[in-house]
Protein backbone atom coordinates (compact mmCIF):
# COMPACT_ATOMS: atom_id res chain seq x y z
CA UNK A 1 0.00 0.00 0.00
CA UNK A 2 1.46 3.32 -1.03
CA UNK A 3 0.32 6.92 -1.33
CA UNK A 4 2.48 8.53 -4.01
CA UNK A 5 2.63 11.54 -6.29
CA UNK A 6 1.40 10.76 -9.83
CA UNK A 7 4.83 11.52 -11.28
CA UNK A 8 6.66 9.08 -9.00
CA UNK A 9 8.21 6.21 -10.97
CA UNK A 10 7.22 3.94 -8.09
CA UNK A 11 3.53 4.28 -9.06
CA UNK A 12 3.93 2.41 -12.33
CA UNK A 13 6.47 -0.03 -10.88
CA UNK A 14 4.08 -1.11 -8.13
CA UNK A 15 1.14 -1.37 -10.51
CA UNK A 16 3.01 -3.21 -13.28
CA UNK A 17 4.67 -5.62 -10.87
CA UNK A 18 1.45 -6.39 -8.97
CA UNK A 19 3.49 -5.91 -5.77
CA UNK A 20 1.02 -3.52 -4.18
CA UNK A 21 -1.68 -0.98 -4.71
CA UNK A 22 -1.22 2.75 -5.02
CA UNK A 23 -3.29 5.79 -4.23
CA UNK A 24 -1.75 8.47 -6.40
CA UNK A 25 -2.39 12.18 -6.24
CA UNK A 26 -1.50 15.22 -8.31
CA UNK A 27 0.80 17.20 -6.07
CA UNK A 28 -0.32 19.84 -3.65
CA UNK A 29 -3.54 20.47 -5.56
CA UNK A 30 -4.48 16.80 -5.21
CA UNK A 31 -3.86 16.33 -1.50
CA UNK A 32 -7.59 16.63 -0.81
CA UNK A 33 -8.23 13.64 -3.06
CA UNK A 34 -6.25 11.44 -0.67
CA UNK A 35 -8.75 12.08 2.10
CA UNK A 36 -11.73 11.66 -0.23
CA UNK A 37 -10.52 8.39 -1.72
CA UNK A 38 -8.79 6.81 1.26
CA UNK A 39 -11.75 4.77 2.55
CA UNK A 40 -12.25 3.05 -0.81
CA UNK A 41 -8.50 2.69 -1.26
CA UNK A 42 -8.05 1.09 2.15
CA UNK A 43 -10.90 -1.35 1.47
CA UNK A 44 -9.19 -2.28 -1.81
CA UNK A 45 -5.93 -2.75 0.07
CA UNK A 46 -7.56 -5.12 2.57
CA UNK A 47 -8.92 -7.20 -0.32
CA UNK A 48 -5.53 -7.14 -2.00
CA UNK A 49 -3.75 -8.19 1.21
CA UNK A 50 -6.21 -11.01 1.86
CA UNK A 51 -5.56 -12.62 -1.51
CA UNK A 52 -1.91 -11.58 -1.87
CA UNK A 53 0.44 -14.21 -3.28
CA UNK A 54 4.12 -13.25 -3.43
CA UNK A 55 4.54 -15.58 -6.41
CA UNK A 56 2.26 -13.33 -8.47
CA UNK A 57 4.74 -10.42 -8.31
CA UNK A 58 6.40 -9.71 -11.64
CA UNK A 59 10.02 -9.67 -10.49
CA UNK A 60 11.31 -8.66 -13.95
CA UNK A 61 9.99 -5.15 -13.37
CA UNK A 62 12.53 -4.68 -10.58
CA UNK A 63 15.57 -5.80 -12.59
CA UNK A 64 16.08 -2.32 -14.03
CA UNK A 65 16.59 -1.03 -10.47
CA UNK A 66 19.00 -3.75 -9.32
CA UNK A 67 22.49 -2.78 -8.18
CA UNK A 68 23.94 -4.73 -11.11
CA UNK A 69 21.84 -2.96 -13.74
CA UNK A 70 22.29 0.52 -12.26
CA UNK A 71 26.06 0.02 -11.89
CA UNK A 72 26.28 -1.24 -15.48
CA UNK A 73 24.45 1.85 -16.73
CA UNK A 74 26.68 4.13 -14.65
CA UNK A 75 29.84 2.43 -15.98
CA UNK A 76 28.62 2.81 -19.56
CA UNK A 77 27.89 6.51 -19.08
CA UNK A 78 31.25 7.09 -17.41
CA UNK A 79 33.03 5.33 -20.29
CA UNK A 80 31.15 7.51 -22.77
CA UNK A 81 32.08 10.66 -20.84
CA UNK A 82 35.75 9.67 -20.78
CA UNK A 83 35.77 9.07 -24.53
CA UNK A 84 34.44 12.54 -25.37
CA UNK A 85 37.05 15.15 -26.22
CA UNK A 86 37.39 18.02 -23.76
CA UNK A 87 35.08 20.85 -24.68
């Protein structure tokens, strides 16, 4: 269960992976929607939790955030930066 800003990358990760449910809001202007929607959201969470099966989580979604993948991307970008001539 998470309450997150619409623009947070975690919103889509949680939804696509089926690892949890999200109540998203649109920044400061949308804070009121949290209070309005929380009862329904919490009921949905209870249903989700009751039938939750960890085996149903799409683990592949998380691979792009693994230490290995992030380090590989960083190393690639550093190599590219070192190969560019000084400007």
